[in-house]
Amino acid sequence: MLSTRSRLSSREDPLVQDLPKAPGTKQARWTHLLGESMPEFSATTQQPETRSSSPSRLNELEERVKSLEDFVDRLTSQLGI
């Protein structure tokens, strides 16, 4: 038994089109062919931006966390909670 997507893509005038798999994904991708213009897609997906875990960046984050903790402590004492 064919899946609905297979039936829609194997018609004389297909309604859907399978897309190439994106790197690092398991799921099959597809797009509809409805309407006047073809949907645009990128064969590759953008990789998430990786941030450096350099010591200076870690120090900056630790300082920000400490500052936020101090702020929360001051608020808590001011509110009496």
N, C-alpha and C. Protein backbone atom coordinates (compact mmCIF):
# COMPACT_ATOMS: atom_id res chain seq x y z
N MET A 1 0.84 -1.17 0.00
CA MET A 1 0.00 0.00 0.00
C MET A 1 0.89 1.24 0.00
N LEU A 2 0.63 2.14 -0.93
CA LEU A 2 1.42 3.36 -1.04
C LEU A 2 1.00 4.39 0.00
N SER A 3 1.97 5.13 0.46
CA SER A 3 1.65 6.21 1.39
C SER A 3 0.99 7.35 0.62
N THR A 4 0.33 8.17 1.35
CA THR A 4 -0.35 9.32 0.72
C THR A 4 0.65 10.17 -0.03
N ARG A 5 1.80 10.44 0.57
CA ARG A 5 2.79 11.26 -0.10
C ARG A 5 3.29 10.61 -1.38
N SER A 6 3.45 9.29 -1.37
CA SER A 6 3.88 8.58 -2.57
C SER A 6 2.84 8.70 -3.67
N ARG A 7 1.57 8.58 -3.29
CA ARG A 7 0.51 8.72 -4.29
C ARG A 7 0.47 10.13 -4.85
N LEU A 8 0.66 11.13 -3.99
CA LEU A 8 0.63 12.51 -4.46
C LEU A 8 1.82 12.84 -5.36
N SER A 9 2.96 12.19 -5.15
CA SER A 9 4.14 12.47 -5.96
C SER A 9 4.18 11.66 -7.25
N SER A 10 3.40 10.56 -7.33
CA SER A 10 3.44 9.72 -8.52
C SER A 10 2.30 9.99 -9.51
N ARG A 11 1.51 11.03 -9.25
CA ARG A 11 0.44 11.40 -10.17
C ARG A 11 1.02 11.93 -11.47
N GLU A 12 0.19 12.00 -12.51
CA GLU A 12 0.63 12.58 -13.78
C GLU A 12 1.07 14.03 -13.58
N ASP A 13 0.28 14.79 -12.83
CA ASP A 13 0.66 16.14 -12.40
C ASP A 13 0.92 16.06 -10.90
N PRO A 14 2.18 15.81 -10.49
CA PRO A 14 2.47 15.61 -9.06
C PRO A 14 2.09 16.82 -8.22
N LEU A 15 1.62 16.53 -7.01
CA LEU A 15 1.25 17.59 -6.07
C LEU A 15 2.33 17.84 -5.02
N VAL A 16 3.24 16.88 -4.85
CA VAL A 16 4.36 17.02 -3.92
C VAL A 16 5.63 16.51 -4.58
N GLN A 17 6.76 16.94 -4.03
CA GLN A 17 8.05 16.51 -4.55
C GLN A 17 8.96 16.19 -3.38
N ASP A 18 9.64 15.05 -3.45
CA ASP A 18 10.61 14.71 -2.41
C ASP A 18 11.84 15.57 -2.58
N LEU A 19 12.43 15.97 -1.47
CA LEU A 19 13.64 16.79 -1.47
C LEU A 19 14.79 15.94 -0.97
N PRO A 20 16.01 16.33 -1.31
CA PRO A 20 17.16 15.59 -0.79
C PRO A 20 17.23 15.72 0.73
N LYS A 21 17.76 14.69 1.35
CA LYS A 21 17.91 14.74 2.81
C LYS A 21 18.89 15.83 3.18
N ALA A 22 18.59 16.51 4.25
CA ALA A 22 19.49 17.54 4.76
C ALA A 22 20.58 16.84 5.57
N PRO A 23 21.80 17.36 5.53
CA PRO A 23 22.87 16.74 6.32
C PRO A 23 22.52 16.69 7.80
N GLY A 24 22.74 15.54 8.40
CA GLY A 24 22.50 15.38 9.83
C GLY A 24 21.06 15.12 10.22
N THR A 25 20.18 14.87 9.25
CA THR A 25 18.78 14.60 9.57
C THR A 25 18.40 13.21 9.11
N LYS A 26 17.43 12.62 9.80
CA LYS A 26 16.93 11.30 9.44
C LYS A 26 15.68 11.38 8.58
N GLN A 27 14.90 12.42 8.83
CA GLN A 27 13.59 12.52 8.20
C GLN A 27 13.70 12.88 6.73
N ALA A 28 12.79 12.29 5.95
CA ALA A 28 12.67 12.66 4.54
C ALA A 28 12.01 14.03 4.48
N ARG A 29 12.42 14.82 3.49
CA ARG A 29 11.83 16.15 3.32
C ARG A 29 11.05 16.16 2.02
N TRP A 30 10.05 17.01 1.97
CA TRP A 30 9.25 17.14 0.76
C TRP A 30 8.66 18.54 0.72
N THR A 31 8.18 18.92 -0.44
CA THR A 31 7.55 20.22 -0.60
C THR A 31 6.33 20.06 -1.48
N HIS A 32 5.37 20.94 -1.32
CA HIS A 32 4.17 20.89 -2.16
C HIS A 32 4.45 21.59 -3.48
N LEU A 33 3.69 21.25 -4.49
CA LEU A 33 3.81 21.87 -5.80
C LEU A 33 2.53 22.61 -6.16
N LEU A 34 1.81 23.05 -5.14
CA LEU A 34 0.56 23.75 -5.35
C LEU A 34 0.83 25.23 -5.57
N GLY A 35 -0.02 25.88 -6.32
CA GLY A 35 0.12 27.31 -6.53
C GLY A 35 0.89 27.61 -7.80
N GLU A 36 1.09 28.90 -8.03
CA GLU A 36 1.71 29.32 -9.28
C GLU A 36 3.23 29.26 -9.26
N SER A 37 3.84 29.46 -8.10
CA SER A 37 5.29 29.48 -8.06
C SER A 37 5.82 28.28 -7.31
N MET A 38 6.97 27.81 -7.76
CA MET A 38 7.63 26.69 -7.11
C MET A 38 8.24 27.15 -5.79
N PRO A 39 8.03 26.44 -4.71
CA PRO A 39 8.69 26.81 -3.45
C PRO A 39 10.20 26.66 -3.61
N GLU A 40 10.94 27.56 -3.01
CA GLU A 40 12.39 27.47 -3.06
C GLU A 40 12.88 26.73 -1.84
N PHE A 41 13.94 25.97 -2.03
CA PHE A 41 14.54 25.26 -0.91
C PHE A 41 16.03 25.20 -1.13
N SER A 42 16.72 25.03 -0.04
CA SER A 42 18.16 24.90 -0.08
C SER A 42 18.50 23.43 0.10
N ALA A 43 19.39 22.93 -0.72
CA ALA A 43 19.78 21.52 -0.61
C ALA A 43 20.53 21.25 0.68
N THR A 44 21.14 22.28 1.22
CA THR A 44 21.84 22.12 2.49
C THR A 44 21.21 23.05 3.51
N THR A 45 21.19 22.60 4.72
CA THR A 45 20.67 23.46 5.78
C THR A 45 21.83 24.21 6.40
N GLN A 46 21.53 25.35 6.96
CA GLN A 46 22.57 26.11 7.63
C GLN A 46 22.90 25.43 8.95
N GLN A 47 24.16 25.30 9.20
CA GLN A 47 24.60 24.71 10.44
C GLN A 47 24.48 25.75 11.54
N PRO A 48 24.09 25.35 12.74
CA PRO A 48 24.01 26.32 13.82
C PRO A 48 25.37 26.96 14.07
N GLU A 49 25.32 28.22 14.42
CA GLU A 49 26.55 28.95 14.68
C GLU A 49 27.18 28.39 15.94
N THR A 50 28.44 28.02 15.83
CA THR A 50 29.14 27.51 17.01
C THR A 50 29.91 28.64 17.65
N ARG A 51 29.85 28.68 18.94
CA ARG A 51 30.56 29.73 19.66
C ARG A 51 31.79 29.14 20.30
N SER A 52 32.76 29.95 20.38
CA SER A 52 34.01 29.54 20.99
C SER A 52 33.81 29.33 22.49
N SER A 53 34.45 28.31 23.01
CA SER A 53 34.40 28.11 24.46
C SER A 53 35.75 28.49 25.05
N SER A 54 36.32 29.56 24.51
CA SER A 54 37.63 30.02 24.98
C SER A 54 37.53 30.46 26.44
N PRO A 55 38.67 30.44 27.12
CA PRO A 55 38.66 30.84 28.54
C PRO A 55 38.11 32.26 28.74
N SER A 56 38.41 33.18 27.82
CA SER A 56 37.91 34.55 28.02
C SER A 56 36.39 34.58 27.91
N ARG A 57 35.83 33.81 27.00
CA ARG A 57 34.37 33.76 26.87
C ARG A 57 33.75 33.13 28.11
N LEU A 58 34.35 32.08 28.60
CA LEU A 58 33.84 31.43 29.81
C LEU A 58 33.92 32.38 31.01
N ASN A 59 35.02 33.10 31.11
CA ASN A 59 35.16 34.07 32.20
C ASN A 59 34.07 35.13 32.10
N GLU A 60 33.82 35.61 30.90
CA GLU A 60 32.78 36.63 30.70
C GLU A 60 31.42 36.10 31.13
N LEU A 61 31.10 34.87 30.76
CA LEU A 61 29.81 34.27 31.13
C LEU A 61 29.72 34.06 32.64
N GLU A 62 30.81 33.61 33.25
CA GLU A 62 30.81 33.43 34.70
C GLU A 62 30.59 34.75 35.42
N GLU A 63 31.19 35.82 34.92
CA GLU A 63 30.99 37.14 35.52
C GLU A 63 29.54 37.60 35.38
N ARG A 64 28.95 37.34 34.21
CA ARG A 64 27.55 37.73 33.99
C ARG A 64 26.62 36.95 34.92
N VAL A 65 26.88 35.66 35.09
CA VAL A 65 26.05 34.84 35.98
C VAL A 65 26.18 35.34 37.41
N LYS A 66 27.40 35.63 37.83
CA LYS A 66 27.62 36.13 39.19
C LYS A 66 26.90 37.46 39.39
N SER A 67 26.96 38.34 38.40
CA SER A 67 26.28 39.63 38.48
C SER A 67 24.77 39.44 38.59
N LEU A 68 24.23 38.53 37.82
CA LEU A 68 22.79 38.26 37.87
C LEU A 68 22.38 37.64 39.20
N GLU A 69 23.22 36.74 39.73
CA GLU A 69 22.93 36.15 41.03
C GLU A 69 22.91 37.23 42.12
N ASP A 70 23.88 38.14 42.06
CA ASP A 70 23.92 39.24 43.04
C ASP A 70 22.67 40.10 42.92
N PHE A 71 22.25 40.39 41.71
CA PHE A 71 21.07 41.20 41.47
C PHE A 71 19.82 40.52 42.05
N VAL A 72 19.69 39.23 41.82
CA VAL A 72 18.54 38.48 42.34
C VAL A 72 18.58 38.47 43.86
N ASP A 73 19.76 38.31 44.45
CA ASP A 73 19.88 38.35 45.91
C ASP A 73 19.44 39.70 46.47
N ARG A 74 19.86 40.80 45.82
CA ARG A 74 19.44 42.13 46.28
C ARG A 74 17.93 42.30 46.17
N LEU A 75 17.36 41.87 45.07
CA LEU A 75 15.90 41.98 44.89
C LEU A 75 15.15 41.16 45.94
N THR A 76 15.64 39.96 46.17
CA THR A 76 15.01 39.08 47.15
C THR A 76 15.03 39.72 48.54
N SER A 77 16.15 40.30 48.92
CA SER A 77 16.22 40.91 50.25
C SER A 77 15.35 42.17 50.32
N GLN A 78 15.29 42.94 49.24
CA GLN A 78 14.45 44.14 49.22
C GLN A 78 12.97 43.80 49.31
N LEU A 79 12.59 42.70 48.68
CA LEU A 79 11.18 42.29 48.68
C LEU A 79 10.82 41.47 49.90
N GLY A 80 11.81 41.06 50.64
CA GLY A 80 11.55 40.28 51.86
C GLY A 80 11.12 38.85 51.58
N ILE A 81 11.60 38.27 50.52
CA ILE A 81 11.27 36.86 50.22
C ILE A 81 12.49 35.98 50.31
